[in-house]
C-alpha atoms as a PDB file:
ATOM      1  CA  MET A   1      -9.422 -60.215  42.532  1.00  0.00           C
ATOM      2  CA  THR A   2     -10.581 -62.750  39.937  1.00  0.00           C
ATOM      3  CA  GLU A   3      -9.290 -62.973  36.396  1.00  0.00           C
ATOM      4  CA  MET A   4     -12.670 -61.636  35.090  1.00  0.00           C
ATOM      5  CA  GLU A   5     -12.514 -58.611  37.364  1.00  0.00           C
ATOM      6  CA  VAL A   6      -9.017 -57.753  36.190  1.00  0.00           C
ATOM      7  CA  SER A   7     -10.108 -58.030  32.545  1.00  0.00           C
ATOM      8  CA  GLU A   8     -13.166 -55.842  33.097  1.00  0.00           C
ATOM      9  CA  ASN A   9     -11.137 -53.223  34.926  1.00  0.00           C
ATOM     10  CA  SER A  10      -8.528 -53.149  32.198  1.00  0.00           C
ATOM     11  CA  GLY A  11     -11.149 -52.562  29.543  1.00  0.00           C
ATOM     12  CA  THR A  12     -12.597 -49.711  31.532  1.00  0.00           C
ATOM     13  CA  SER A  13      -9.164 -48.044  31.808  1.00  0.00           C
ATOM     14  CA  GLU A  14      -8.569 -48.343  28.098  1.00  0.00           C
ATOM     15  CA  ASP A  15     -12.042 -46.836  27.414  1.00  0.00           C
ATOM     16  CA  VAL A  16     -11.256 -43.886  29.721  1.00  0.00           C
ATOM     17  CA  ALA A  17      -7.899 -43.334  27.990  1.00  0.00           C
ATOM     18  CA  LYS A  18      -9.596 -43.336  24.581  1.00  0.00           C
ATOM     19  CA  VAL A  19     -12.254 -40.809  25.727  1.00  0.00           C
ATOM     20  CA  SER A  20      -9.491 -38.688  27.311  1.00  0.00           C
ATOM     21  CA  ASP A  21      -7.483 -38.701  24.089  1.00  0.00           C
ATOM     22  CA  LEU A  22     -10.606 -37.828  22.101  1.00  0.00           C
ATOM     23  CA  THR A  23     -11.406 -34.961  24.469  1.00  0.00           C
ATOM     24  CA  VAL A  24      -7.916 -33.539  24.201  1.00  0.00           C
ATOM     25  CA  GLY A  25      -7.981 -33.834  20.410  1.00  0.00           C
ATOM     26  CA  ASN A  26     -11.393 -32.087  20.301  1.00  0.00           C
ATOM     27  CA  ASN A  27     -10.109 -29.302  22.541  1.00  0.00           C
ATOM     28  CA  VAL A  28      -7.076 -28.776  20.278  1.00  0.00           C
ATOM     29  CA  SER A  29      -9.270 -28.728  17.196  1.00  0.00           C
ATOM     30  CA  ALA A  30     -11.760 -26.389  18.843  1.00  0.00           C
ATOM     31  CA  GLY A  31      -8.943 -24.058  19.960  1.00  0.00           C
ATOM     32  CA  SER A  32      -7.376 -24.086  16.503  1.00  0.00           C
ATOM     33  CA  SER A  33     -10.689 -23.478  14.809  1.00  0.00           C
ATOM     34  CA  SER A  34     -11.498 -20.619  17.194  1.00  0.00           C
ATOM     35  CA  ARG A  35      -8.097 -18.989  16.585  1.00  0.00           C
ATOM     36  CA  ASN A  36      -8.412 -19.484  12.858  1.00  0.00           C
ATOM     37  CA  ASN A  37     -11.858 -17.898  12.858  1.00  0.00           C
ATOM     38  CA  ARG A  38     -10.585 -14.932  14.826  1.00  0.00           C
ATOM     39  CA  THR A  39      -7.724 -14.492  12.397  1.00  0.00           C
ATOM     40  CA  LYS A  40     -10.037 -14.728   9.449  1.00  0.00           C
ATOM     41  CA  VAL A  41     -12.452 -12.110  10.887  1.00  0.00           C
ATOM     42  CA  LEU A  42      -9.590  -9.716  11.656  1.00  0.00           C
ATOM     43  CA  SER A  43      -8.131 -10.208   8.177  1.00  0.00           C
ATOM     44  CA  GLU A  44     -11.429  -9.434   6.546  1.00  0.00           C
ATOM     45  CA  GLU A  45     -11.918  -6.315   8.711  1.00  0.00           C
ATOM     46  CA  LEU A  46      -8.437  -5.113   7.849  1.00  0.00           C
ATOM     47  CA  ARG A  47      -9.029  -5.626   4.118  1.00  0.00           C
ATOM     48  CA  ARG A  48     -12.353  -3.735   4.289  1.00  0.00           C
ATOM     49  CA  SER A  49     -10.617  -0.918   6.138  1.00  0.00           C
ATOM     50  CA  LEU A  50      -7.789  -0.875   3.598  1.00  0.00           C
ATOM     51  CA  MET A  51     -10.204  -0.658   0.710  1.00  0.00           C
ATOM     52  CA  ASN A  52     -12.022   2.269   2.351  1.00  0.00           C
ATOM     53  CA  LEU A  53      -8.747   4.044   3.008  1.00  0.00           C
ATOM     54  CA  ASP A  54      -7.551   3.463  -0.542  1.00  0.00           C
ATOM     55  CA  GLU A  55     -10.766   4.976  -1.884  1.00  0.00           C
ATOM     56  CA  GLU A  56     -10.191   8.064   0.313  1.00  0.00           C
ATOM     57  CA  ARG A  57      -6.614   8.233  -0.993  1.00  0.00           C
ATOM     58  CA  ARG A  58      -7.834   8.133  -4.619  1.00  0.00           C
ATOM     59  CA  LYS A  59     -10.347  10.962  -3.981  1.00  0.00           C
ATOM     60  CA  ILE A  60      -7.671  13.144  -2.311  1.00  0.00           C
ATOM     61  CA  GLU A  61      -5.194  12.606  -5.114  1.00  0.00           C
ATOM     62  CA  LEU A  62      -7.825  13.411  -7.748  1.00  0.00           C
ATOM     63  CA  GLU A  63      -8.793  16.662  -5.958  1.00  0.00           C
ATOM     64  CA  ILE A  64      -5.097  17.647  -5.620  1.00  0.00           C
ATOM     65  CA  ALA A  65      -4.610  17.037  -9.349  1.00  0.00           C
ATOM     66  CA  GLU A  66      -7.631  19.128 -10.239  1.00  0.00           C
ATOM     67  CA  LEU A  67      -6.520  21.998  -7.969  1.00  0.00           C
ATOM     68  CA  ASN A  68      -2.997  21.845  -9.348  1.00  0.00           C
ATOM     69  CA  GLU A  69      -4.374  22.010 -12.924  1.00  0.00           C
ATOM     70  CA  MET A  70      -6.521  24.992 -11.984  1.00  0.00           C
ATOM     71  CA  LEU A  71      -3.536  26.761 -10.347  1.00  0.00           C
ATOM     72  CA  ASN A  72      -1.331  26.183 -13.381  1.00  0.00           C
ATOM     73  CA  ASN A  73      -3.720  26.713 -16.216  1.00  0.00           C
ATOM     74  CA  GLU A  74      -6.653  28.860 -15.020  1.00  0.00           C
ATOM     75  CA  ILE A  75      -5.115  30.969 -12.283  1.00  0.00           C
ATOM     76  CA  GLY A  76      -1.557  30.950 -13.682  1.00  0.00           C
ATOM     77  CA  ALA A  77       0.243  30.914 -10.370  1.00  0.00           C
ATOM     78  CA  GLY A  78       1.006  27.293  -9.708  1.00  0.00           C
ATOM     79  CA  LEU A  79       1.865  26.075  -6.236  1.00  0.00           C
ATOM     80  CA  HIS A  80       5.084  27.993  -5.661  1.00  0.00           C
ATOM     81  CA  GLU A  81       5.154  31.090  -7.888  1.00  0.00           C
ATOM     82  CA  PRO A  82       5.045  34.441  -6.032  1.00  0.00           C
ATOM     83  CA  LEU A  83       1.676  36.083  -5.605  1.00  0.00           C
ATOM     84  CA  VAL A  84       3.232  39.572  -5.318  1.00  0.00           C
ATOM     85  CA  ASP A  85       5.002  41.717  -7.854  1.00  0.00           C
ATOM     86  CA  SER A  86       8.470  43.175  -7.653  1.00  0.00           C
ATOM     87  CA  GLU A  87       7.223  45.914  -5.305  1.00  0.00           C
ATOM     88  CA  ASP A  88       5.480  43.430  -3.011  1.00  0.00           C
ATOM     89  CA  TYR A  89       2.014  44.370  -4.162  1.00  0.00           C
ATOM     90  CA  PRO A  90      -0.564  41.652  -4.966  1.00  0.00           C
ATOM     91  CA  ARG A  91      -0.199  40.699  -8.593  1.00  0.00           C
ATOM     92  CA  SER A  92      -2.888  42.262 -10.843  1.00  0.00           C
ATOM     93  CA  ASP A  93      -2.694  39.625 -13.560  1.00  0.00           C
ATOM     94  CA  ILE A  94      -4.119  36.739 -11.376  1.00  0.00           C
ATOM     95  CA  ASP A  95      -6.840  36.120  -8.826  1.00  0.00           C
ATOM     96  CA  VAL A  96      -4.584  36.224  -5.740  1.00  0.00           C
ATOM     97  CA  HIS A  97      -7.426  35.423  -3.327  1.00  0.00           C
ATOM     98  CA  LEU A  98      -8.461  32.287  -5.275  1.00  0.00           C
ATOM     99  CA  ALA A  99      -4.813  31.249  -5.584  1.00  0.00           C
ATOM    100  CA  ARG A 100      -4.300  31.485  -1.813  1.00  0.00           C
ATOM    101  CA  ILE A 101      -7.509  29.547  -1.074  1.00  0.00           C
ATOM    102  CA  SER A 102      -6.524  26.837  -3.593  1.00  0.00           C
ATOM    103  CA  ARG A 103      -2.984  26.574  -2.279  1.00  0.00           C
ATOM    104  CA  HIS A 104      -4.293  26.250   1.320  1.00  0.00           C
ATOM    105  CA  ARG A 105      -6.706  23.570   0.231  1.00  0.00           C
ATOM    106  CA  VAL A 106      -3.808  21.618  -1.487  1.00  0.00           C
ATOM    107  CA  ALA A 107      -1.736  21.852   1.695  1.00  0.00           C
ATOM    108  CA  CYS A 108      -4.552  20.475   3.815  1.00  0.00           C
ATOM    109  CA  LEU A 109      -5.173  17.644   1.309  1.00  0.00           C
ATOM    110  CA  GLN A 110      -1.477  16.758   1.287  1.00  0.00           C
ATOM    111  CA  THR A 111      -1.573  16.521   5.097  1.00  0.00           C
ATOM    112  CA  ASP A 112      -4.648  14.305   4.886  1.00  0.00           C
ATOM    113  CA  HIS A 113      -2.913  12.212   2.226  1.00  0.00           C
ATOM    114  CA  SER A 114       0.110  11.695   4.453  1.00  0.00           C
ATOM    115  CA  GLN A 115      -2.069  10.640   7.363  1.00  0.00           C
ATOM    116  CA  ILE A 116      -4.026   8.161   5.256  1.00  0.00           C
ATOM    117  CA  MET A 117      -0.831   6.665   3.800  1.00  0.00           C
ATOM    118  CA  SER A 118       0.427   6.167   7.350  1.00  0.00           C
ATOM    119  CA  GLN A 119      -2.808   4.403   8.259  1.00  0.00           C
ATOM    120  CA  ILE A 120      -2.540   2.226   5.155  1.00  0.00           C
ATOM    121  CA  GLN A 121       1.043   1.199   6.037  1.00  0.00           C
ATOM    122  CA  HIS A 122       0.074   0.458   9.616  1.00  0.00           C
ATOM    123  CA  LYS A 123      -2.841  -1.760   8.562  1.00  0.00           C
ATOM    124  CA  LEU A 124      -0.737  -3.478   5.925  1.00  0.00           C
ATOM    125  CA  HIS A 125       1.766  -4.382   8.662  1.00  0.00           C
ATOM    126  CA  GLN A 126      -1.051  -5.774  10.749  1.00  0.00           C
ATOM    127  CA  LEU A 127      -2.366  -7.816   7.855  1.00  0.00           C
ATOM    128  CA  HIS A 128       1.110  -9.207   7.113  1.00  0.00           C
ATOM    129  CA  SER A 129       1.515 -10.070  10.827  1.00  0.00           C
ATOM    130  CA  LEU A 130      -1.698 -12.078  10.697  1.00  0.00           C
ATOM    131  CA  THR A 131      -0.362 -13.875   7.609  1.00  0.00           C
ATOM    132  CA  ARG A 132       2.834 -14.740   9.381  1.00  0.00           C
ATOM    133  CA  ASP A 133       0.911 -16.001  12.355  1.00  0.00           C
ATOM    134  CA  ARG A 134      -0.999 -18.386  10.118  1.00  0.00           C
ATOM    135  CA  SER A 135       2.233 -19.711   8.703  1.00  0.00           C
ATOM    136  CA  ALA A 136       3.504 -20.477  12.206  1.00  0.00           C
ATOM    137  CA  LEU A 137       0.634 -22.879  12.984  1.00  0.00           C
ATOM    138  CA  SER A 138       1.128 -26.496  13.807  1.00  0.00           C
ATOM    139  CA  PRO A 139       0.664 -29.123  11.016  1.00  0.00           C
ATOM    140  CA  ASP A 140      -2.779 -30.028  12.454  1.00  0.00           C
ATOM    141  CA  GLU A 141      -3.775 -26.345  12.593  1.00  0.00           C
ATOM    142  CA  ARG A 142      -2.597 -25.764   9.057  1.00  0.00           C
ATOM    143  CA  SER A 143      -4.609 -28.749   7.869  1.00  0.00           C
ATOM    144  CA  LEU A 144      -7.647 -27.323   9.626  1.00  0.00           C
ATOM    145  CA  ASN A 145      -7.075 -23.923   8.006  1.00  0.00           C
ATOM    146  CA  GLU A 146      -6.725 -25.485   4.569  1.00  0.00           C
ATOM    147  CA  ASN A 147      -9.962 -27.396   5.074  1.00  0.00           C
ATOM    148  CA  SER A 148     -11.681 -24.244   6.233  1.00  0.00           C
ATOM    149  CA  ALA A 149     -10.323 -22.331   3.181  1.00  0.00           C
ATOM    150  CA  GLU A 150     -11.683 -24.952   0.860  1.00  0.00           C
ATOM    151  CA  ASN A 151     -15.137 -24.571   2.299  1.00  0.00           C
ATOM    152  CA  ASP A 152     -14.991 -20.793   2.495  1.00  0.00           C
ATOM    153  CA  PRO A 153     -17.448 -19.393  -0.059  1.00  0.00           C
ATOM    154  CA  LYS A 154     -15.305 -16.165  -0.315  1.00  0.00           C
ATOM    155  CA  PRO A 155     -11.658 -17.147  -0.257  1.00  0.00           C
ATOM    156  CA  TYR A 156      -9.010 -14.491  -0.278  1.00  0.00           C
ATOM    157  CA  ILE A 157      -7.890 -13.602  -3.735  1.00  0.00           C
ATOM    158  CA  PRO A 158      -4.410 -12.055  -3.894  1.00  0.00           C
ATOM    159  CA  PRO A 159      -4.034  -8.750  -5.663  1.00  0.00           C
ATOM    160  CA  PRO A 160      -3.224  -8.909  -9.399  1.00  0.00           C
ATOM    161  CA  THR A 161       0.321  -8.433 -10.647  1.00  0.00           C
ATOM    162  CA  LEU A 162       1.224  -4.789 -11.179  1.00  0.00           C
ATOM    163  CA  GLU A 163       1.561  -3.645 -14.804  1.00  0.00           C
ATOM    164  CA  PRO A 164       3.952  -0.920 -15.997  1.00  0.00           C
ATOM    165  CA  PHE A 165       2.459   2.477 -16.847  1.00  0.00           C
ATOM    166  CA  LEU A 166       5.509   4.777 -17.095  1.00  0.00           C
ATOM    167  CA  ARG A 167       8.869   4.473 -18.932  1.00  0.00           C
ATOM    168  CA  VAL A 168      11.940   6.321 -17.708  1.00  0.00           C
ATOM    169  CA  GLU A 169      13.414   8.062 -20.739  1.00  0.00           C
ATOM    170  CA  GLN A 170      16.248   9.952 -19.053  1.00  0.00           C
ATOM    171  CA  VAL A 171      18.000  10.026 -15.665  1.00  0.00           C
ATOM    172  CA  ILE A 172      20.574  12.718 -15.083  1.00  0.00           C
ATOM    173  CA  ASP A 173      23.748  11.595 -13.368  1.00  0.00           C
ATOM    174  CA  GLY A 174      23.939  12.760  -9.782  1.00  0.00           C
ATOM    175  CA  SER A 175      20.294  13.606  -9.596  1.00  0.00           C
ATOM    176  CA  PRO A 176      18.007  12.415  -6.757  1.00  0.00           C
ATOM    177  CA  ALA A 177      16.536   9.837  -9.124  1.00  0.00           C
ATOM    178  CA  TYR A 178      19.969   8.523 -10.047  1.00  0.00           C
ATOM    179  CA  LYS A 179      21.046   8.311  -6.446  1.00  0.00           C
ATOM    180  CA  GLY A 180      17.834   6.450  -5.640  1.00  0.00           C
ATOM    181  CA  GLY A 181      18.688   3.768  -8.212  1.00  0.00           C
ATOM    182  CA  LEU A 182      16.398   4.774 -11.090  1.00  0.00           C
ATOM    183  CA  ARG A 183      17.893   4.166 -14.541  1.00  0.00           C
ATOM    184  CA  ASN A 184      17.080   4.834 -18.214  1.00  0.00           C
ATOM    185  CA  GLN A 185      14.451   2.499 -19.717  1.00  0.00           C
ATOM    186  CA  ASP A 186      13.138   1.365 -16.297  1.00  0.00           C
ATOM    187  CA  LEU A 187       9.420   0.606 -16.456  1.00  0.00           C
ATOM    188  CA  VAL A 188       7.494   1.893 -13.404  1.00  0.00           C
ATOM    189  CA  LEU A 189       4.985  -0.481 -11.848  1.00  0.00           C
ATOM    190  CA  ARG A 190       4.226   1.649  -8.758  1.00  0.00           C
ATOM    191  CA  PHE A 191       5.169   5.247  -7.926  1.00  0.00           C
ATOM    192  CA  GLY A 192       4.253   5.798  -4.318  1.00  0.00           C
ATOM    193  CA  SER A 193       0.600   5.017  -4.219  1.00  0.00           C
ATOM    194  CA  VAL A 194       0.060   5.487  -7.955  1.00  0.00           C
ATOM    195  CA  THR A 195      -0.362   2.361 -10.136  1.00  0.00           C
ATOM    196  CA  LYS A 196      -1.736   1.793 -13.586  1.00  0.00           C
ATOM    197  CA  ASP A 197      -5.227   1.503 -12.172  1.00  0.00           C
ATOM    198  CA  ASN A 198      -5.338   5.079 -10.796  1.00  0.00           C
ATOM    199  CA  PHE A 199      -2.847   6.846 -13.067  1.00  0.00           C
ATOM    200  CA  ASN A 200      -5.230   7.604 -15.885  1.00  0.00           C
ATOM    201  CA  ASP A 201      -2.451   9.020 -18.066  1.00  0.00           C
ATOM    202  CA  ASN A 202      -2.278  12.039 -15.694  1.00  0.00           C
ATOM    203  CA  LEU A 203       1.325  13.059 -15.045  1.00  0.00           C
ATOM    204  CA  ALA A 204       0.051  15.840 -12.740  1.00  0.00           C
ATOM    205  CA  VAL A 205      -0.641  13.117 -10.162  1.00  0.00           C
ATOM    206  CA  ILE A 206       3.054  12.342 -10.034  1.00  0.00           C
ATOM    207  CA  GLY A 207       3.941  16.019  -9.956  1.00  0.00           C
ATOM    208  CA  ASN A 208       1.595  16.615  -6.984  1.00  0.00           C
ATOM    209  CA  MET A 209       3.056  13.712  -5.105  1.00  0.00           C
ATOM    210  CA  LEU A 210       6.642  14.979  -5.629  1.00  0.00           C
ATOM    211  CA  SER A 211       5.646  18.503  -4.529  1.00  0.00           C
ATOM    212  CA  GLY A 212       3.902  17.215  -1.468  1.00  0.00           C
ATOM    213  CA  HIS A 213       6.710  14.872  -0.424  1.00  0.00           C
ATOM    214  CA  GLN A 214       9.844  17.012  -0.731  1.00  0.00           C
ATOM    215  CA  GLY A 215      12.450  15.622   1.623  1.00  0.00           C
ATOM    216  CA  SER A 216      10.333  12.434   2.211  1.00  0.00           C
ATOM    217  CA  VAL A 217      10.975   8.996   0.837  1.00  0.00           C
ATOM    218  CA  ILE A 218       8.739   7.691  -1.957  1.00  0.00           C
ATOM    219  CA  GLY A 219       8.731   3.996  -2.706  1.00  0.00           C
ATOM    220  CA  LEU A 220       8.837   2.749  -6.288  1.00  0.00           C
ATOM    221  CA  GLU A 221       8.635  -0.611  -7.979  1.00  0.00           C
ATOM    222  CA  VAL A 222      10.199  -0.913 -11.440  1.00  0.00           C
ATOM    223  CA  THR A 223      11.135  -3.641 -13.893  1.00  0.00           C
ATOM    224  CA  ARG A 224      14.555  -3.628 -15.635  1.00  0.00           C
ATOM    225  CA  GLU A 225      15.484  -5.624 -18.750  1.00  0.00           C
ATOM    226  CA  GLU A 226      18.390  -7.441 -17.078  1.00  0.00           C
ATOM    227  CA  CYS A 227      16.504  -8.222 -13.877  1.00  0.00           C
ATOM    228  CA  GLN A 228      14.136 -11.133 -13.527  1.00  0.00           C
ATOM    229  CA  ARG A 229      12.189  -9.710 -10.662  1.00  0.00           C
ATOM    230  CA  PRO A 230      10.797  -6.186  -9.989  1.00  0.00           C
ATOM    231  CA  LEU A 231      13.096  -3.871  -8.111  1.00  0.00           C
ATOM    232  CA  ARG A 232      11.985  -1.766  -5.120  1.00  0.00           C
ATOM    233  CA  LEU A 233      13.531   1.683  -4.985  1.00  0.00           C
ATOM    234  CA  SER A 234      13.332   4.552  -2.526  1.00  0.00           C
ATOM    235  CA  LEU A 235      13.520   8.099  -4.007  1.00  0.00           C
ATOM    236  CA  THR A 236      13.642  11.336  -2.051  1.00  0.00           C
ATOM    237  CA  PRO A 237      12.520  14.352  -4.153  1.00  0.00           C
ATOM    238  CA  HIS A 238      14.284  17.606  -3.271  1.00  0.00           C
ATOM    239  CA  VAL A 239      15.674  20.752  -4.788  1.00  0.00           C
ATOM    240  CA  TRP A 240      19.107  20.120  -6.298  1.00  0.00           C
ATOM    241  CA  SER A 241      21.377  21.810  -8.820  1.00  0.00           C
ATOM    242  CA  GLY A 242      19.404  20.550 -11.783  1.00  0.00           C
ATOM    243  CA  ARG A 243      15.792  20.820 -12.995  1.00  0.00           C
ATOM    244  CA  GLY A 244      12.855  19.342 -11.153  1.00  0.00           C
ATOM    245  CA  LEU A 245      12.876  17.496  -7.846  1.00  0.00           C
ATOM    246  CA  LEU A 246      14.111  14.174  -9.187  1.00  0.00           C
ATOM    247  CA  GLY A 247      16.122  14.978 -12.264  1.00  0.00           C
ATOM    248  CA  CYS A 248      14.509  12.425 -14.582  1.00  0.00           C
ATOM    249  CA  LYS A 249      12.016  12.282 -17.422  1.00  0.00           C
ATOM    250  CA  MET A 250       9.208   9.758 -17.505  1.00  0.00           C
ATOM    251  CA  VAL A 251       6.536   9.248 -20.157  1.00  0.00           C
ATOM    252  CA  PRO A 252       3.299   7.310 -20.048  1.00  0.00           C
ATOM    253  CA  LEU A 253       3.241   3.959 -21.818  1.00  0.00           C
ATOM    254  CA  PRO A 254       0.763   3.608 -24.621  1.00  0.00           C
ATOM    255  CA  LYS A 255      -2.394   1.682 -23.713  1.00  0.00           C
END
């Protein structure tokens, strides 16, 4: 083999190696881009689904609040007061039939509310899993994701910081609220699914949630003067030796 032939063959091998490297690089980029696109589509679908579920939740809570107000103020029986007199006859001072229908509707709505909250929690876990998957990408894939995000006309905007809407005025020692970690002067950012956006200065929404979740855990987020970050608490409303299901007094903050 002549010197020229060796030189020509060497050049061909180098060219093949460069093309091979380029092909591999393109395949990695294509695979990363495809995976990133799938993650993005799934994230957007989950967010749309969460928004729809949250709208259903708001409607259910509003109807429960309206029914509770009607039971307390118009019918005069509430959710738990007896509908019969001391001789076990239907009370003559209230519309017993309407009270039973309203209570049954509240029970159905509370079941629907629990199911929707379970769906919301499930989809939130899915969305968080997708976020964790994105953080586990290789440096090249993360760079590709960042470039895609810069060119995305609708980038994801994180939810706004929660604002307080309730102040805890009193927590009775030994109460369910006290055992759950709630303290005097705590400012409530989130009470279950209720935030400042859907509270509307309506304490009945909180009352309905407590009545519908007796024995179940309700998550809270509060701020405390001596704490730099919000605290996450878990309260379990139930009948105890004191008044109410939590044993605390909360008042709406002025707007």
